[in-house]
Protein backbone atom coordinates (compact mmCIF):
# COMPACT_ATOMS: atom_id res chain seq x y z
CA MET A 1 24.68 8.05 -24.37
CA LEU A 2 23.59 4.55 -23.41
CA ARG A 3 25.50 4.82 -20.12
CA LEU A 4 23.68 8.06 -19.39
CA LEU A 5 20.33 6.56 -20.34
CA PHE A 6 20.80 3.45 -18.24
CA CYS A 7 21.46 5.67 -15.21
CA PHE A 8 17.76 6.50 -15.39
CA LEU A 9 16.48 2.95 -15.71
CA VAL A 10 14.71 1.31 -12.81
CA PHE A 11 13.02 -2.01 -12.25
CA GLN A 12 9.49 -1.40 -10.99
CA ILE A 13 9.88 -4.37 -8.66
CA ALA A 14 10.34 -4.48 -4.89
CA GLY A 15 10.09 -0.75 -4.39
CA CYS A 16 11.65 0.31 -7.70
CA ALA A 17 15.20 -0.95 -7.19
CA TRP A 18 17.85 0.80 -9.28
CA LEU A 19 19.24 -0.87 -12.36
CA THR A 20 22.88 -0.01 -11.76
CA ASN A 21 24.77 -3.04 -12.96
CA ILE A 22 24.81 -2.01 -16.62
CA THR A 23 27.70 0.45 -16.77
CA ASN A 24 30.00 -0.54 -19.58
CA LEU A 25 27.72 -0.62 -22.60
CA GLY A 26 28.94 1.49 -25.46
CA ASP A 27 32.45 2.14 -24.05
CA ASN A 28 34.15 1.12 -27.29
CA ASN A 29 31.39 2.03 -29.72
CA GLU A 30 32.43 4.99 -31.86
CA SER A 31 28.83 5.68 -32.91
CA LEU A 32 27.88 6.42 -29.28
CA LYS A 33 30.62 8.95 -28.59
CA PRO A 34 29.48 12.57 -28.10
CA ARG A 35 29.73 14.72 -31.23
CA GLN A 36 32.56 17.24 -31.07
CA LEU A 37 31.33 20.80 -31.23
CA GLU A 38 32.07 22.60 -34.47
CA PRO A 39 33.11 26.25 -34.70
CA LEU A 40 30.25 28.66 -35.29
CA LYS A 41 29.79 32.26 -36.28
CA LYS A 42 28.25 33.94 -33.26
CA GLU A 43 25.28 36.15 -33.97
CA VAL A 44 24.31 36.66 -30.31
CA GLU A 45 26.18 36.90 -27.01
CA LEU A 46 25.25 35.65 -23.56
CA ASP A 47 26.01 38.03 -20.70
CA ARG A 48 25.95 36.67 -17.16
CA LEU A 49 24.01 38.86 -14.76
CA TRP A 50 24.51 36.87 -11.55
CA LYS A 51 25.31 33.43 -10.16
CA THR A 52 24.56 31.85 -6.78
CA LYS A 53 24.67 28.47 -5.06
CA ILE A 54 21.34 26.81 -4.32
CA GLY A 55 22.48 23.52 -2.79
CA LYS A 56 23.99 20.17 -3.61
CA SER A 57 23.13 16.60 -4.50
CA LYS A 58 24.63 13.34 -3.32
CA SER A 59 23.72 11.71 -6.62
CA GLY A 60 24.77 14.67 -8.78
CA ARG A 61 21.27 14.71 -10.22
CA MET A 62 19.38 18.02 -10.45
CA SER A 63 17.25 17.30 -13.50
CA MET A 64 13.98 16.80 -11.62
CA LEU A 65 14.16 20.12 -9.74
CA VAL A 66 13.32 22.84 -12.24
CA PRO A 67 13.35 26.47 -11.00
CA GLN A 68 10.28 28.62 -11.55
CA PHE A 69 9.76 32.36 -11.54
CA SER A 70 6.82 34.55 -10.61
CA SER A 71 6.80 38.31 -11.02
CA SER A 72 10.19 39.56 -9.79
CA SER A 73 11.18 36.40 -7.89
CA ILE A 74 12.69 33.06 -8.89
CA TYR A 75 12.33 29.93 -6.76
CA ALA A 76 14.79 27.02 -6.80
CA ALA A 77 15.40 23.83 -4.84
CA SER A 78 18.20 21.29 -4.53
CA PRO A 79 18.18 17.61 -3.57
CA ASP A 80 19.75 18.27 -0.14
CA GLY A 81 16.52 19.97 0.93
CA THR A 82 17.47 23.60 0.33
CA VAL A 83 14.77 25.85 -1.10
CA LYS A 84 15.47 29.50 -1.97
CA ALA A 85 13.64 32.54 -3.25
CA LEU A 86 15.77 35.09 -5.12
CA LYS A 87 15.33 38.42 -6.85
CA THR A 88 15.35 37.86 -10.60
CA SER A 89 17.15 41.17 -11.19
CA ASN A 90 20.28 40.54 -9.11
CA GLY A 91 20.04 37.09 -7.49
CA ARG A 92 19.67 38.58 -4.00
CA GLU A 93 18.28 36.04 -1.54
CA LEU A 94 14.77 36.80 -0.28
CA TRP A 95 14.50 33.75 1.94
CA THR A 96 15.96 30.27 2.33
CA VAL A 97 14.81 27.17 4.16
CA ASN A 98 16.10 23.60 4.38
CA VAL A 99 13.17 21.22 4.63
CA SER A 100 15.36 18.40 5.95
CA LYS A 101 14.54 19.89 9.38
CA PHE A 102 11.09 18.34 8.96
CA TYR A 103 12.74 14.90 9.01
CA ARG A 104 14.89 15.00 12.13
CA GLY A 105 16.51 11.67 12.90
CA ALA A 106 16.47 10.63 9.23
CA ASP A 107 19.44 10.65 6.89
CA TYR A 108 17.71 12.83 4.31
CA GLY A 109 19.74 15.72 2.96
CA LYS A 110 23.03 14.45 4.42
CA ASN A 111 23.81 11.13 2.78
CA VAL A 112 20.56 10.67 0.88
CA ASP A 113 18.96 13.17 -1.50
CA LEU A 114 15.70 14.44 0.01
CA LEU A 115 13.98 16.49 -2.68
CA THR A 116 13.11 14.58 -5.85
CA GLY A 117 10.47 16.66 -7.64
CA GLY A 118 9.81 20.39 -8.02
CA VAL A 119 9.37 23.26 -8.22
CA GLY A 120 5.59 23.71 -8.52
CA LEU A 121 4.30 27.26 -8.19
CA GLY A 122 0.84 28.81 -7.91
CA GLU A 123 -1.83 30.21 -5.64
CA GLY A 124 0.84 31.64 -3.33
CA LEU A 125 2.36 28.18 -2.80
CA LEU A 126 5.65 26.52 -3.68
CA ILE A 127 5.23 22.74 -3.99
CA ILE A 128 7.97 20.10 -3.81
CA GLY A 129 8.06 16.31 -3.59
CA THR A 130 10.35 14.21 -1.42
CA VAL A 131 12.04 10.82 -1.45
CA ALA A 132 10.05 10.11 1.72
CA GLY A 133 6.89 10.12 -0.39
CA GLU A 134 5.49 13.44 0.76
CA ILE A 135 4.23 16.64 -0.84
CA LEU A 136 5.37 19.83 0.91
CA ALA A 137 3.62 23.15 0.33
CA LEU A 138 5.55 26.28 1.36
CA ASN A 139 4.42 29.89 1.43
CA GLN A 140 5.94 31.77 -1.52
CA GLU A 141 6.39 34.89 0.58
CA ASP A 142 8.57 33.46 3.37
CA GLY A 143 9.10 29.70 2.85
CA VAL A 144 6.99 28.74 5.88
CA LEU A 145 5.41 25.28 5.70
CA VAL A 146 1.69 25.60 4.90
CA TRP A 147 0.86 21.91 4.73
CA ARG A 148 2.36 18.49 4.03
CA ALA A 149 0.58 15.48 2.55
CA LYS A 150 1.46 11.83 2.16
CA ALA A 151 1.99 10.57 -1.37
CA SER A 152 2.00 6.92 -2.43
CA SER A 153 5.70 7.01 -3.41
CA GLU A 154 8.43 9.34 -4.69
CA VAL A 155 7.50 12.39 -6.72
CA LEU A 156 9.97 12.71 -9.62
CA SER A 157 8.57 15.74 -11.46
CA PRO A 158 7.28 19.17 -10.44
CA PRO A 159 3.82 19.03 -8.82
CA GLN A 160 1.42 21.39 -10.56
CA VAL A 161 -0.91 24.00 -9.04
CA LYS A 162 -4.03 25.39 -10.72
CA ASP A 163 -6.73 27.24 -8.80
CA ASP A 164 -7.79 25.00 -5.89
CA LEU A 165 -5.91 21.90 -7.07
CA VAL A 166 -2.39 20.54 -6.56
CA VAL A 167 -1.55 17.55 -8.78
CA ALA A 168 1.44 15.23 -8.32
CA HIS A 169 2.73 12.26 -10.33
CA THR A 170 4.44 9.52 -8.30
CA ILE A 171 6.87 6.88 -9.53
CA ASP A 172 4.36 4.08 -8.87
CA GLY A 173 2.20 5.35 -11.75
CA LYS A 174 -0.36 7.32 -9.77
CA ILE A 175 -1.71 10.82 -10.32
CA THR A 176 -3.06 12.35 -7.11
CA ALA A 177 -4.94 15.60 -6.66
CA TYR A 178 -4.87 17.55 -3.38
CA ASN A 179 -6.79 20.51 -2.04
CA ALA A 180 -4.47 23.49 -2.49
CA ILE A 181 -5.65 25.08 0.76
CA ASN A 182 -5.01 22.24 3.22
CA GLY A 183 -3.45 19.35 1.30
CA GLU A 184 -6.45 17.06 1.70
CA ARG A 185 -6.47 14.30 -0.91
CA ARG A 186 -9.22 14.75 -3.51
CA TRP A 187 -8.72 11.78 -5.84
CA THR A 188 -6.17 9.32 -7.23
CA TYR A 189 -5.84 7.82 -10.70
CA SER A 190 -3.71 4.67 -11.09
CA THR A 191 -2.24 2.87 -14.05
CA THR A 192 -0.34 -0.39 -14.50
CA LEU A 193 3.40 -0.05 -14.97
CA PRO A 194 5.71 -2.26 -17.06
CA PRO A 195 8.52 -4.29 -15.42
CA LEU A 196 11.12 -1.79 -16.67
CA SER A 197 10.93 1.98 -17.03
CA LEU A 198 13.02 5.13 -17.08
CA ARG A 199 13.91 6.89 -13.84
CA GLY A 200 11.47 9.75 -13.91
CA THR A 201 7.86 10.79 -14.46
CA ALA A 202 6.22 13.20 -16.87
CA THR A 203 5.02 16.50 -15.41
CA PRO A 204 1.20 16.65 -15.47
CA LEU A 205 -0.61 19.47 -17.26
CA VAL A 206 -3.50 21.04 -15.36
CA THR A 207 -6.18 23.21 -16.98
CA SER A 208 -9.54 24.54 -15.83
CA GLN A 209 -11.14 21.34 -17.20
CA TYR A 210 -8.54 18.59 -17.40
CA VAL A 211 -5.56 16.97 -15.80
CA ILE A 212 -3.37 15.52 -18.54
CA ALA A 213 -0.97 12.77 -17.53
CA ALA A 214 1.55 10.52 -19.29
CA PHE A 215 2.96 7.28 -17.95
CA ALA A 216 5.80 4.77 -18.06
CA ASN A 217 3.61 2.30 -19.97
CA GLY A 218 3.49 4.69 -22.94
CA ARG A 219 -0.09 5.83 -22.33
CA ILE A 220 -1.59 9.27 -21.89
CA ALA A 221 -4.80 9.97 -19.99
CA ILE A 222 -7.01 13.05 -19.95
CA LEU A 223 -8.73 13.16 -16.58
CA ASP A 224 -11.64 15.19 -15.29
CA ARG A 225 -10.07 17.63 -12.82
CA GLU A 226 -12.93 17.33 -10.32
CA SER A 227 -13.27 13.54 -10.20
CA GLY A 228 -10.07 12.15 -11.69
CA LEU A 229 -12.10 9.94 -14.05
CA PRO A 230 -10.55 9.40 -17.50
CA GLY A 231 -12.33 10.87 -20.50
CA PHE A 232 -9.68 9.81 -23.00
CA GLU A 233 -6.79 7.36 -22.97
CA GLN A 234 -4.29 6.71 -25.77
CA MET A 235 -1.21 4.53 -26.28
CA ILE A 236 1.37 6.64 -28.12
CA GLY A 237 3.76 3.79 -28.98
CA ILE A 238 3.77 0.04 -29.42
CA SER A 239 6.25 -2.15 -27.54
CA LYS A 240 8.50 -4.15 -29.83
CA GLY A 241 11.31 -6.65 -29.26
CA ARG A 242 12.13 -9.81 -27.37
CA ASN A 243 13.14 -8.43 -23.98
CA ASP A 244 11.98 -5.78 -21.51
CA LEU A 245 14.62 -3.29 -22.65
CA ASP A 246 13.65 -3.53 -26.32
CA ARG A 247 9.96 -3.25 -25.38
CA LEU A 248 10.52 -0.20 -23.17
CA VAL A 249 8.07 2.57 -24.17
CA ASP A 250 8.07 5.37 -21.61
CA ILE A 251 6.93 9.00 -21.42
CA ASP A 252 9.06 11.18 -19.16
CA GLY A 253 9.66 14.35 -21.15
CA ALA A 254 7.85 17.68 -21.30
CA MET A 255 4.43 17.76 -22.96
CA VAL A 256 3.12 20.82 -24.81
CA LEU A 257 -0.43 22.19 -24.79
CA LEU A 258 -1.22 24.74 -27.50
CA GLY A 259 -4.83 25.85 -27.44
CA GLN A 260 -6.84 22.67 -27.89
CA ARG A 261 -3.93 20.60 -29.18
CA LEU A 262 -1.80 18.37 -27.00
CA TYR A 263 1.66 17.21 -28.10
CA VAL A 264 3.34 14.23 -26.43
CA VAL A 265 6.47 12.21 -27.18
CA GLY A 266 7.92 9.09 -25.59
CA TYR A 267 11.03 6.96 -25.54
CA GLN A 268 11.13 4.33 -28.33
CA SER A 269 7.72 5.64 -29.29
CA ARG A 270 6.09 8.44 -31.29
CA LEU A 271 5.40 12.16 -31.27
CA ILE A 272 1.64 12.61 -31.47
CA ALA A 273 -0.73 15.57 -31.74
CA VAL A 274 -4.11 15.12 -30.05
CA ASN A 275 -7.11 17.39 -30.73
CA LEU A 276 -8.80 17.86 -27.35
CA ASN A 277 -12.05 18.99 -28.94
CA THR A 278 -12.53 15.79 -30.92
CA LEU A 279 -10.31 13.58 -28.71
CA SER A 280 -8.58 12.25 -31.80
CA VAL A 281 -4.97 11.90 -32.95
CA GLU A 282 -4.38 14.41 -35.76
CA TRP A 283 -0.86 13.34 -36.74
CA PHE A 284 2.11 11.39 -35.48
CA ASN A 285 5.77 10.75 -36.25
CA GLU A 286 8.02 7.91 -35.15
CA LEU A 287 10.43 9.36 -32.59
CA SER A 288 12.31 8.47 -29.42
CA SER A 289 12.78 11.14 -26.76
CA VAL A 290 13.60 11.25 -23.06
CA VAL A 291 13.56 15.03 -22.53
CA GLY A 292 10.39 15.94 -24.43
CA LEU A 293 9.18 18.97 -26.34
CA GLY A 294 9.27 22.75 -26.73
CA GLU A 295 7.22 25.08 -28.89
CA GLY A 296 7.44 28.38 -30.75
CA PHE A 297 7.12 30.01 -34.19
CA GLY A 298 4.30 27.59 -35.00
CA ASN A 299 6.68 24.66 -34.50
CA ILE A 300 6.99 21.79 -32.07
CA TYR A 301 10.62 21.11 -31.12
CA ALA A 302 11.64 17.58 -30.17
CA GLY A 303 14.90 16.58 -28.51
CA HIS A 304 15.66 13.00 -29.58
CA ALA A 305 17.18 10.46 -27.21
CA ASP A 306 20.37 10.59 -29.33
CA GLY A 307 20.59 14.41 -29.22
CA VAL A 308 19.17 15.19 -32.65
CA ILE A 309 16.74 18.13 -32.59
CA ASP A 310 13.77 18.37 -34.96
CA ALA A 311 11.30 21.15 -35.67
CA TYR A 312 7.84 20.01 -36.79
CA ASP A 313 5.00 22.12 -38.10
CA ALA A 314 2.50 22.13 -35.23
CA LEU A 315 -0.53 21.83 -37.52
CA THR A 316 0.64 19.23 -40.02
CA GLY A 317 3.49 17.37 -38.33
CA LYS A 318 5.75 17.93 -41.34
CA ILE A 319 9.40 18.40 -40.50
CA VAL A 320 10.63 22.00 -40.85
CA TRP A 321 14.31 21.48 -40.03
CA GLU A 322 16.65 19.04 -38.28
CA VAL A 323 20.06 19.46 -36.65
CA ASP A 324 22.37 16.65 -35.57
CA ALA A 325 25.30 18.73 -34.25
CA LEU A 326 24.50 17.71 -30.65
CA THR A 327 24.34 13.96 -31.25
CA ASN A 328 25.06 11.94 -28.10
CA ARG A 329 25.65 15.08 -26.01
CA ALA A 330 22.89 14.25 -23.47
CA ILE A 331 20.87 17.36 -24.19
CA SER A 332 18.30 19.02 -21.96
CA ALA A 333 14.73 19.66 -23.03
CA PRO A 334 14.53 22.38 -25.73
CA VAL A 335 13.14 25.70 -24.48
CA THR A 336 12.29 28.83 -26.47
CA SER A 337 13.32 32.36 -25.58
CA SER A 338 12.40 35.22 -27.90
CA SER A 339 13.28 33.97 -31.41
CA TYR A 340 15.74 31.37 -30.13
CA LEU A 341 15.74 27.75 -29.04
CA LEU A 342 17.91 26.95 -26.00
CA VAL A 343 19.45 23.56 -25.23
CA GLY A 344 21.97 22.55 -22.56
CA ASP A 345 24.35 19.58 -22.72
CA PHE A 346 26.41 17.27 -20.51
CA GLN A 347 29.56 19.41 -20.76
CA GLY A 348 27.74 22.49 -19.51
CA TYR A 349 27.35 24.30 -22.83
CA LEU A 350 24.23 26.29 -23.57
CA HIS A 351 23.42 26.26 -27.29
CA VAL A 352 21.39 29.04 -28.91
CA ILE A 353 19.57 28.00 -32.09
CA ALA A 354 17.47 30.13 -34.43
CA GLN A 355 13.87 28.94 -34.40
CA SER A 356 13.45 29.98 -38.03
CA ASP A 357 15.89 27.57 -39.64
CA GLY A 358 17.82 25.63 -36.97
CA ARG A 359 21.15 27.40 -37.42
CA PHE A 360 23.38 27.78 -34.37
CA VAL A 361 23.74 31.47 -33.51
CA GLY A 362 25.44 31.29 -30.10
CA ARG A 363 27.12 29.06 -27.53
CA LYS A 364 28.33 29.58 -23.98
CA LYS A 365 30.12 27.32 -21.51
CA ILE A 366 28.02 27.77 -18.38
CA ASP A 367 29.37 25.20 -15.94
CA ASN A 368 31.70 22.20 -16.14
CA SER A 369 29.26 20.06 -14.17
CA GLY A 370 26.76 19.98 -17.03
CA LEU A 371 23.24 21.24 -17.73
CA SER A 372 20.59 18.54 -17.45
CA VAL A 373 17.88 20.87 -16.11
CA ALA A 374 16.01 22.60 -18.92
CA PRO A 375 16.61 26.37 -19.13
CA ILE A 376 13.76 28.64 -18.08
CA SER A 377 13.13 31.91 -19.86
CA ASP A 378 11.61 35.29 -19.08
CA GLY A 379 11.84 37.14 -22.37
CA ASN A 380 15.52 37.64 -23.24
CA ARG A 381 16.62 36.67 -19.74
CA ILE A 382 17.28 33.01 -19.04
CA TYR A 383 17.99 31.07 -15.86
CA LEU A 384 20.15 27.95 -15.70
CA LEU A 385 20.56 25.44 -12.88
CA ALA A 386 23.79 23.46 -13.30
CA ASN A 387 24.28 19.92 -12.03
CA ASN A 388 26.47 21.18 -9.17
CA GLY A 389 23.64 23.31 -7.78
CA PHE A 390 24.65 26.76 -9.05
CA LEU A 391 21.85 28.92 -10.47
CA SER A 392 22.80 31.67 -12.90
CA ALA A 393 20.99 34.34 -14.90
CA TYR A 394 22.02 35.37 -18.43
CA GLU A 395 20.80 37.86 -20.96
CA ILE A 396 20.87 37.33 -24.72
CA PHE A 397 21.95 40.33 -26.78
């Protein structure tokens, strides 16, 4: 697990150079070995409806390109620059485009991954971020480029679209808002980053009033959507230890907004619930997570950095149930579908867990390459993007 985690670490120095020299930690540590899967009594089955190739990645990393669906279409992107629209019913291709054509003469898409953040969807646009530090807005109907805008650095999470605003989080700790019609920059909010952080950024939440952002320094900020000015800022964890690694407190995982309550969790940090009406922290629990949160059945589901999954009562923060059967299996973010909780792992298994009590009710080997991208759900139908770039649709019955 530590090897997998260190693959995401970057020094925020000299253009965010990769921390790649730590590769052997935990090799002989029994406590860090992935938990072997135990037999289970299946209560549900997963039936594959279709499967298709989206694209590929030079780094083997798809986790920052999450598919999205709208009406009867699903939109997916891969690091090589391929973007596709497909029918949700049968996987039939509606259109495809490779945005590497916008960078002729560069090595993007061939030997260097081009797309680093996506997919954002809304207002008839599909939004993606590039390693070249740009935001690209495509027409949902045909994939034609509508506008492109310069960002301050790489975008490592899906840009968000709400009404007239496109919001992107870049790896240098900036939140930038753009006009959804023409890509004109509206405002930028900046924060100070620590010397060491995880490789990734938290996806902003955009409402009719706020832009909610979380950062590598362990802080969250609630920004006015028109001006970008902060109305509330909160540190969700306190750095501890003697070195930068021990003091690392980062927020990369999925946040949850339920009514007027915001739920956020960080690495080596806490899970907190913030009341947006009173701008106060209602409850918190010590917790370390890279992938973030899901919600359903009145619970908040947290995927720990070590693969343990907890369910907390959303109102009180009291633990409802906990499962440790996926310890050290590099799980994806937990996602709910109907009455189930879905989690992928590094061996390509999709695990189906009952939201009511945390029991495992189903399991399916989806792809040998692994599932680091969180599942997305449309009722009982779920869509899974494997690390090798294959997108598949399954139905739970």
